[in-house]
Amino acid sequence: MPFLSALYTSLEPWGYAVMRVASGAMMATFGWQKLFAGKMSEDITIFHQLGLEPAIPLAYFTSGLEFFGGVAVAAGFLTRPFAAMLFGELLVILATVMIPSGTGYQLSVVWWGAFLFIAIRGGGRISLDRLLGKEF
């Protein structure tokens, strides 16, 4: 609705921040479950089954990326590098696990697109990157 264009323009930074925070926070919950809630052995088993070795360090790396990268994206800190890494991780997950199984990939595709968008756009006006005066 063209007559609401001023409203859309004024709310746009907030809408983007909400999307960035929600995407990062939700990703962080997956890393939290693995690192701190006893689900790491399941991740390590999946890495072994997929032939991704060394499975243990890779599982800890990806879980750490999900938790710490998710928190960083949510806060808008080092936004582009972390979003790009999460985009890459999701691409691997989609290609090796989700799409071949044919189930459960829909949410991962949405996150994949969100993290690509965040990696391109950066932290935005409402972010620690902007507060620090440095967009990475």
N, C-alpha and C. Protein backbone atom coordinates (compact mmCIF):
# COMPACT_ATOMS: atom_id res chain seq x y z
N MET A 1 0.85 -1.17 0.00
CA MET A 1 0.00 0.00 0.00
C MET A 1 0.90 1.23 0.00
N PRO A 2 0.90 1.95 -1.09
CA PRO A 2 1.81 3.09 -1.24
C PRO A 2 1.65 4.15 -0.15
N PHE A 3 0.46 4.35 0.37
CA PHE A 3 0.28 5.41 1.36
C PHE A 3 0.94 5.06 2.70
N LEU A 4 1.38 3.81 2.87
CA LEU A 4 2.08 3.42 4.09
C LEU A 4 3.60 3.35 3.91
N SER A 5 4.10 3.89 2.80
CA SER A 5 5.52 3.78 2.50
C SER A 5 6.40 4.41 3.58
N ALA A 6 5.97 5.50 4.17
CA ALA A 6 6.75 6.13 5.25
C ALA A 6 6.84 5.19 6.46
N LEU A 7 5.76 4.52 6.77
CA LEU A 7 5.76 3.55 7.88
C LEU A 7 6.69 2.39 7.56
N TYR A 8 6.59 1.85 6.34
CA TYR A 8 7.46 0.74 5.95
C TYR A 8 8.93 1.13 6.07
N THR A 9 9.26 2.30 5.59
CA THR A 9 10.64 2.77 5.63
C THR A 9 11.14 2.92 7.06
N SER A 10 10.29 3.45 7.94
CA SER A 10 10.72 3.65 9.33
C SER A 10 10.85 2.33 10.09
N LEU A 11 10.08 1.32 9.73
CA LEU A 11 10.12 0.03 10.43
C LEU A 11 11.12 -0.96 9.85
N GLU A 12 11.63 -0.69 8.66
CA GLU A 12 12.51 -1.63 7.97
C GLU A 12 13.73 -2.05 8.79
N PRO A 13 14.45 -1.12 9.45
CA PRO A 13 15.61 -1.57 10.24
C PRO A 13 15.20 -2.50 11.37
N TRP A 14 14.04 -2.26 11.95
CA TRP A 14 13.57 -3.11 13.05
C TRP A 14 13.15 -4.49 12.53
N GLY A 15 12.52 -4.53 11.39
CA GLY A 15 12.13 -5.81 10.80
C GLY A 15 13.34 -6.67 10.48
N TYR A 16 14.36 -6.04 9.91
CA TYR A 16 15.59 -6.78 9.60
C TYR A 16 16.26 -7.26 10.88
N ALA A 17 16.31 -6.42 11.90
CA ALA A 17 16.93 -6.80 13.17
C ALA A 17 16.19 -7.99 13.80
N VAL A 18 14.88 -7.97 13.74
CA VAL A 18 14.09 -9.08 14.29
C VAL A 18 14.42 -10.38 13.54
N MET A 19 14.50 -10.31 12.23
CA MET A 19 14.83 -11.50 11.44
C MET A 19 16.23 -12.00 11.77
N ARG A 20 17.19 -11.09 11.89
CA ARG A 20 18.57 -11.47 12.21
C ARG A 20 18.66 -12.08 13.61
N VAL A 21 18.01 -11.45 14.59
CA VAL A 21 18.03 -11.95 15.96
C VAL A 21 17.35 -13.32 16.04
N ALA A 22 16.20 -13.46 15.43
CA ALA A 22 15.47 -14.73 15.48
C ALA A 22 16.28 -15.85 14.82
N SER A 23 16.87 -15.59 13.67
CA SER A 23 17.66 -16.61 12.97
C SER A 23 18.87 -17.02 13.81
N GLY A 24 19.60 -16.04 14.32
CA GLY A 24 20.78 -16.34 15.13
C GLY A 24 20.43 -17.05 16.43
N ALA A 25 19.40 -16.58 17.11
CA ALA A 25 19.01 -17.19 18.39
C ALA A 25 18.54 -18.62 18.21
N MET A 26 17.76 -18.87 17.18
CA MET A 26 17.30 -20.23 16.95
C MET A 26 18.46 -21.15 16.60
N MET A 27 19.42 -20.68 15.81
CA MET A 27 20.58 -21.50 15.49
C MET A 27 21.39 -21.78 16.76
N ALA A 28 21.50 -20.78 17.62
CA ALA A 28 22.26 -20.96 18.86
C ALA A 28 21.65 -22.04 19.74
N THR A 29 20.34 -22.21 19.70
CA THR A 29 19.72 -23.25 20.54
C THR A 29 20.17 -24.65 20.10
N PHE A 30 20.40 -24.85 18.80
CA PHE A 30 20.88 -26.15 18.34
C PHE A 30 22.30 -26.41 18.84
N GLY A 31 23.16 -25.40 18.76
CA GLY A 31 24.51 -25.55 19.28
C GLY A 31 24.51 -25.77 20.78
N TRP A 32 23.64 -25.07 21.50
CA TRP A 32 23.53 -25.22 22.95
C TRP A 32 23.16 -26.65 23.32
N GLN A 33 22.17 -27.21 22.62
CA GLN A 33 21.74 -28.58 22.92
C GLN A 33 22.88 -29.57 22.76
N LYS A 34 23.69 -29.37 21.75
CA LYS A 34 24.79 -30.30 21.50
C LYS A 34 25.93 -30.09 22.50
N LEU A 35 26.31 -28.84 22.71
CA LEU A 35 27.47 -28.55 23.57
C LEU A 35 27.19 -28.71 25.05
N PHE A 36 26.00 -28.32 25.48
CA PHE A 36 25.75 -28.21 26.91
C PHE A 36 24.58 -29.07 27.42
N ALA A 37 23.85 -29.74 26.55
CA ALA A 37 22.69 -30.51 27.00
C ALA A 37 22.77 -31.98 26.60
N GLY A 38 23.98 -32.47 26.37
CA GLY A 38 24.19 -33.89 26.19
C GLY A 38 23.84 -34.49 24.84
N LYS A 39 23.76 -33.68 23.80
CA LYS A 39 23.40 -34.23 22.48
C LYS A 39 24.60 -34.35 21.54
N MET A 40 25.79 -34.13 22.07
CA MET A 40 26.97 -34.16 21.22
C MET A 40 27.23 -35.55 20.65
N SER A 41 26.98 -36.60 21.41
CA SER A 41 27.26 -37.96 20.92
C SER A 41 26.43 -38.27 19.67
N GLU A 42 25.21 -37.75 19.60
CA GLU A 42 24.37 -37.96 18.42
C GLU A 42 25.02 -37.31 17.19
N ASP A 43 25.53 -36.11 17.36
CA ASP A 43 26.18 -35.39 16.26
C ASP A 43 27.43 -36.13 15.80
N ILE A 44 28.22 -36.60 16.74
CA ILE A 44 29.45 -37.34 16.40
C ILE A 44 29.10 -38.61 15.62
N THR A 45 28.06 -39.31 16.05
CA THR A 45 27.62 -40.52 15.34
C THR A 45 27.23 -40.20 13.90
N ILE A 46 26.50 -39.10 13.70
CA ILE A 46 26.10 -38.70 12.34
C ILE A 46 27.33 -38.41 11.49
N PHE A 47 28.31 -37.71 12.05
CA PHE A 47 29.53 -37.41 11.30
C PHE A 47 30.24 -38.70 10.89
N HIS A 48 30.32 -39.67 11.82
CA HIS A 48 30.94 -40.97 11.49
C HIS A 48 30.17 -41.66 10.37
N GLN A 49 28.83 -41.68 10.46
CA GLN A 49 28.00 -42.35 9.46
C GLN A 49 28.16 -41.72 8.08
N LEU A 50 28.34 -40.42 8.05
CA LEU A 50 28.51 -39.72 6.78
C LEU A 50 29.93 -39.80 6.24
N GLY A 51 30.84 -40.34 7.04
CA GLY A 51 32.23 -40.44 6.61
C GLY A 51 32.97 -39.12 6.71
N LEU A 52 32.44 -38.20 7.50
CA LEU A 52 33.09 -36.90 7.70
C LEU A 52 34.06 -37.04 8.87
N GLU A 53 35.33 -37.11 8.55
CA GLU A 53 36.35 -37.33 9.57
C GLU A 53 37.36 -36.19 9.56
N PRO A 54 37.93 -35.88 10.68
CA PRO A 54 37.76 -36.49 11.99
C PRO A 54 36.44 -36.04 12.62
N ALA A 55 35.60 -36.98 12.93
CA ALA A 55 34.22 -36.70 13.34
C ALA A 55 34.12 -35.90 14.63
N ILE A 56 34.92 -36.21 15.61
CA ILE A 56 34.78 -35.54 16.91
C ILE A 56 35.13 -34.05 16.81
N PRO A 57 36.31 -33.68 16.26
CA PRO A 57 36.59 -32.25 16.15
C PRO A 57 35.61 -31.51 15.23
N LEU A 58 35.18 -32.17 14.16
CA LEU A 58 34.22 -31.53 13.26
C LEU A 58 32.88 -31.29 13.96
N ALA A 59 32.45 -32.25 14.75
CA ALA A 59 31.18 -32.10 15.47
C ALA A 59 31.27 -30.96 16.48
N TYR A 60 32.39 -30.87 17.18
CA TYR A 60 32.55 -29.77 18.14
C TYR A 60 32.66 -28.43 17.43
N PHE A 61 33.36 -28.40 16.29
CA PHE A 61 33.48 -27.15 15.53
C PHE A 61 32.11 -26.67 15.07
N THR A 62 31.35 -27.56 14.44
CA THR A 62 30.05 -27.14 13.91
C THR A 62 29.08 -26.77 15.03
N SER A 63 29.12 -27.50 16.13
CA SER A 63 28.25 -27.16 17.26
C SER A 63 28.65 -25.82 17.86
N GLY A 64 29.95 -25.58 17.97
CA GLY A 64 30.42 -24.28 18.45
C GLY A 64 30.04 -23.16 17.51
N LEU A 65 30.14 -23.43 16.20
CA LEU A 65 29.72 -22.43 15.22
C LEU A 65 28.23 -22.13 15.37
N GLU A 66 27.43 -23.17 15.54
CA GLU A 66 25.99 -22.94 15.70
C GLU A 66 25.70 -22.09 16.94
N PHE A 67 26.35 -22.42 18.06
CA PHE A 67 26.07 -21.68 19.30
C PHE A 67 26.69 -20.28 19.26
N PHE A 68 28.00 -20.20 19.14
CA PHE A 68 28.67 -18.90 19.21
C PHE A 68 28.38 -18.05 17.98
N GLY A 69 28.32 -18.67 16.81
CA GLY A 69 27.97 -17.93 15.60
C GLY A 69 26.53 -17.44 15.64
N GLY A 70 25.64 -18.28 16.16
CA GLY A 70 24.24 -17.86 16.29
C GLY A 70 24.09 -16.68 17.23
N VAL A 71 24.78 -16.72 18.36
CA VAL A 71 24.74 -15.61 19.31
C VAL A 71 25.31 -14.35 18.67
N ALA A 72 26.43 -14.49 17.95
CA ALA A 72 27.05 -13.33 17.30
C ALA A 72 26.13 -12.73 16.24
N VAL A 73 25.50 -13.56 15.42
CA VAL A 73 24.58 -13.06 14.40
C VAL A 73 23.41 -12.36 15.07
N ALA A 74 22.87 -12.96 16.13
CA ALA A 74 21.75 -12.34 16.83
C ALA A 74 22.12 -10.96 17.36
N ALA A 75 23.34 -10.83 17.87
CA ALA A 75 23.80 -9.55 18.41
C ALA A 75 24.27 -8.60 17.31
N GLY A 76 24.49 -9.13 16.13
CA GLY A 76 25.01 -8.29 15.05
C GLY A 76 26.49 -8.01 15.22
N PHE A 77 27.24 -9.00 15.71
CA PHE A 77 28.68 -8.86 15.94
C PHE A 77 29.43 -9.79 15.00
N LEU A 78 30.36 -9.24 14.20
CA LEU A 78 31.04 -10.02 13.17
C LEU A 78 30.00 -10.74 12.31
N THR A 79 28.98 -10.00 11.98
CA THR A 79 27.78 -10.57 11.38
C THR A 79 28.06 -11.29 10.06
N ARG A 80 28.74 -10.63 9.15
CA ARG A 80 28.96 -11.24 7.84
C ARG A 80 29.79 -12.53 7.91
N PRO A 81 30.93 -12.54 8.61
CA PRO A 81 31.70 -13.79 8.65
C PRO A 81 30.92 -14.95 9.28
N PHE A 82 30.25 -14.69 10.40
CA PHE A 82 29.51 -15.78 11.04
C PHE A 82 28.31 -16.22 10.20
N ALA A 83 27.60 -15.29 9.61
CA ALA A 83 26.47 -15.65 8.76
C ALA A 83 26.94 -16.45 7.54
N ALA A 84 28.08 -16.07 6.98
CA ALA A 84 28.61 -16.81 5.83
C ALA A 84 29.00 -18.23 6.22
N MET A 85 29.60 -18.39 7.40
CA MET A 85 29.97 -19.73 7.86
C MET A 85 28.72 -20.58 8.13
N LEU A 86 27.71 -19.97 8.74
CA LEU A 86 26.47 -20.71 8.99
C LEU A 86 25.76 -21.06 7.67
N PHE A 87 25.81 -20.17 6.70
CA PHE A 87 25.28 -20.46 5.37
C PHE A 87 25.98 -21.69 4.79
N GLY A 88 27.31 -21.71 4.89
CA GLY A 88 28.08 -22.85 4.38
C GLY A 88 27.75 -24.14 5.11
N GLU A 89 27.63 -24.07 6.42
CA GLU A 89 27.28 -25.27 7.20
C GLU A 89 25.91 -25.79 6.77
N LEU A 90 24.96 -24.89 6.62
CA LEU A 90 23.63 -25.31 6.21
C LEU A 90 23.63 -25.91 4.81
N LEU A 91 24.46 -25.39 3.94
CA LEU A 91 24.57 -25.94 2.59
C LEU A 91 25.05 -27.40 2.66
N VAL A 92 26.06 -27.66 3.49
CA VAL A 92 26.57 -29.02 3.66
C VAL A 92 25.50 -29.92 4.28
N ILE A 93 24.81 -29.43 5.31
CA ILE A 93 23.75 -30.21 5.95
C ILE A 93 22.65 -30.55 4.94
N LEU A 94 22.25 -29.56 4.16
CA LEU A 94 21.21 -29.80 3.16
C LEU A 94 21.66 -30.83 2.13
N ALA A 95 22.89 -30.70 1.65
CA ALA A 95 23.37 -31.57 0.58
C ALA A 95 23.66 -32.99 1.04
N THR A 96 24.11 -33.15 2.29
CA THR A 96 24.54 -34.48 2.74
C THR A 96 23.50 -35.22 3.56
N VAL A 97 22.60 -34.49 4.23
CA VAL A 97 21.67 -35.14 5.14
C VAL A 97 20.21 -34.90 4.75
N MET A 98 19.82 -33.66 4.71
CA MET A 98 18.40 -33.33 4.60
C MET A 98 17.78 -33.68 3.25
N ILE A 99 18.34 -33.17 2.17
CA ILE A 99 17.74 -33.40 0.85
C ILE A 99 17.82 -34.88 0.46
N PRO A 100 18.96 -35.57 0.67
CA PRO A 100 18.98 -37.00 0.33
C PRO A 100 17.94 -37.82 1.09
N SER A 101 17.65 -37.45 2.34
CA SER A 101 16.64 -38.20 3.10
C SER A 101 15.23 -37.83 2.66
N GLY A 102 15.09 -36.66 2.05
CA GLY A 102 13.78 -36.24 1.54
C GLY A 102 12.83 -35.72 2.60
N THR A 103 13.30 -35.56 3.83
CA THR A 103 12.41 -35.08 4.88
C THR A 103 13.13 -34.06 5.75
N GLY A 104 12.36 -33.17 6.32
CA GLY A 104 12.86 -32.25 7.32
C GLY A 104 13.77 -31.15 6.82
N TYR A 105 13.82 -30.93 5.53
CA TYR A 105 14.76 -29.94 5.00
C TYR A 105 14.16 -28.54 4.86
N GLN A 106 12.86 -28.40 5.01
CA GLN A 106 12.21 -27.12 4.73
C GLN A 106 12.74 -25.99 5.61
N LEU A 107 12.82 -26.20 6.90
CA LEU A 107 13.32 -25.16 7.80
C LEU A 107 14.78 -24.83 7.50
N SER A 108 15.56 -25.85 7.19
CA SER A 108 16.97 -25.61 6.86
C SER A 108 17.11 -24.77 5.60
N VAL A 109 16.22 -24.95 4.64
CA VAL A 109 16.25 -24.14 3.42
C VAL A 109 15.94 -22.68 3.76
N VAL A 110 14.97 -22.46 4.65
CA VAL A 110 14.64 -21.09 5.05
C VAL A 110 15.83 -20.45 5.76
N TRP A 111 16.46 -21.17 6.69
CA TRP A 111 17.64 -20.64 7.37
C TRP A 111 18.78 -20.40 6.39
N TRP A 112 18.96 -21.30 5.46
CA TRP A 112 20.00 -21.16 4.45
C TRP A 112 19.84 -19.82 3.72
N GLY A 113 18.61 -19.54 3.30
CA GLY A 113 18.33 -18.27 2.63
C GLY A 113 18.51 -17.08 3.56
N ALA A 114 18.08 -17.22 4.81
CA ALA A 114 18.22 -16.12 5.77
C ALA A 114 19.69 -15.79 6.02
N PHE A 115 20.52 -16.83 6.23
CA PHE A 115 21.92 -16.57 6.51
C PHE A 115 22.66 -16.06 5.28
N LEU A 116 22.24 -16.44 4.08
CA LEU A 116 22.81 -15.85 2.87
C LEU A 116 22.49 -14.36 2.83
N PHE A 117 21.24 -14.01 3.08
CA PHE A 117 20.81 -12.61 3.08
C PHE A 117 21.58 -11.82 4.14
N ILE A 118 21.71 -12.37 5.34
CA ILE A 118 22.42 -11.69 6.42
C ILE A 118 23.90 -11.52 6.06
N ALA A 119 24.51 -12.55 5.45
CA ALA A 119 25.92 -12.45 5.06
C ALA A 119 26.12 -11.34 4.04
N ILE A 120 25.17 -11.16 3.15
CA ILE A 120 25.28 -10.11 2.14
C ILE A 120 25.02 -8.74 2.75
N ARG A 121 24.01 -8.64 3.59
CA ARG A 121 23.57 -7.35 4.11
C ARG A 121 24.37 -6.87 5.31
N GLY A 122 24.88 -7.77 6.12
CA GLY A 122 25.63 -7.37 7.31
C GLY A 122 24.72 -7.17 8.50
N GLY A 123 25.24 -6.52 9.51
CA GLY A 123 24.51 -6.36 10.76
C GLY A 123 23.31 -5.42 10.68
N GLY A 124 23.40 -4.43 9.84
CA GLY A 124 22.31 -3.46 9.74
C GLY A 124 22.46 -2.34 10.76
N ARG A 125 21.48 -1.46 10.76
CA ARG A 125 21.53 -0.28 11.64
C ARG A 125 21.48 -0.63 13.11
N ILE A 126 20.78 -1.70 13.45
CA ILE A 126 20.61 -2.07 14.86
C ILE A 126 21.47 -3.30 15.12
N SER A 127 22.77 -3.06 15.34
CA SER A 127 23.72 -4.17 15.53
C SER A 127 24.94 -3.67 16.28
N LEU A 128 25.68 -4.61 16.86
CA LEU A 128 26.94 -4.26 17.51
C LEU A 128 27.96 -3.81 16.48
N ASP A 129 27.93 -4.41 15.30
CA ASP A 129 28.85 -3.96 14.24
C ASP A 129 28.70 -2.46 14.00
N ARG A 130 27.48 -2.02 13.87
CA ARG A 130 27.22 -0.59 13.61
C ARG A 130 27.63 0.25 14.82
N LEU A 131 27.33 -0.24 16.02
CA LEU A 131 27.69 0.48 17.24
C LEU A 131 29.21 0.64 17.35
N LEU A 132 29.95 -0.40 16.95
CA LEU A 132 31.40 -0.35 16.98
C LEU A 132 32.00 0.42 15.80
N GLY A 133 31.14 0.74 14.82
CA GLY A 133 31.61 1.51 13.68
C GLY A 133 32.38 0.69 12.65
N LYS A 134 32.19 -0.62 12.66
CA LYS A 134 32.92 -1.48 11.74
C LYS A 134 32.02 -2.60 11.24
N GLU A 135 31.70 -2.54 9.96
CA GLU A 135 30.95 -3.63 9.32
C GLU A 135 31.95 -4.56 8.69
N PHE A 136 31.94 -5.79 9.08
CA PHE A 136 32.89 -6.78 8.54
C PHE A 136 32.32 -7.43 7.32
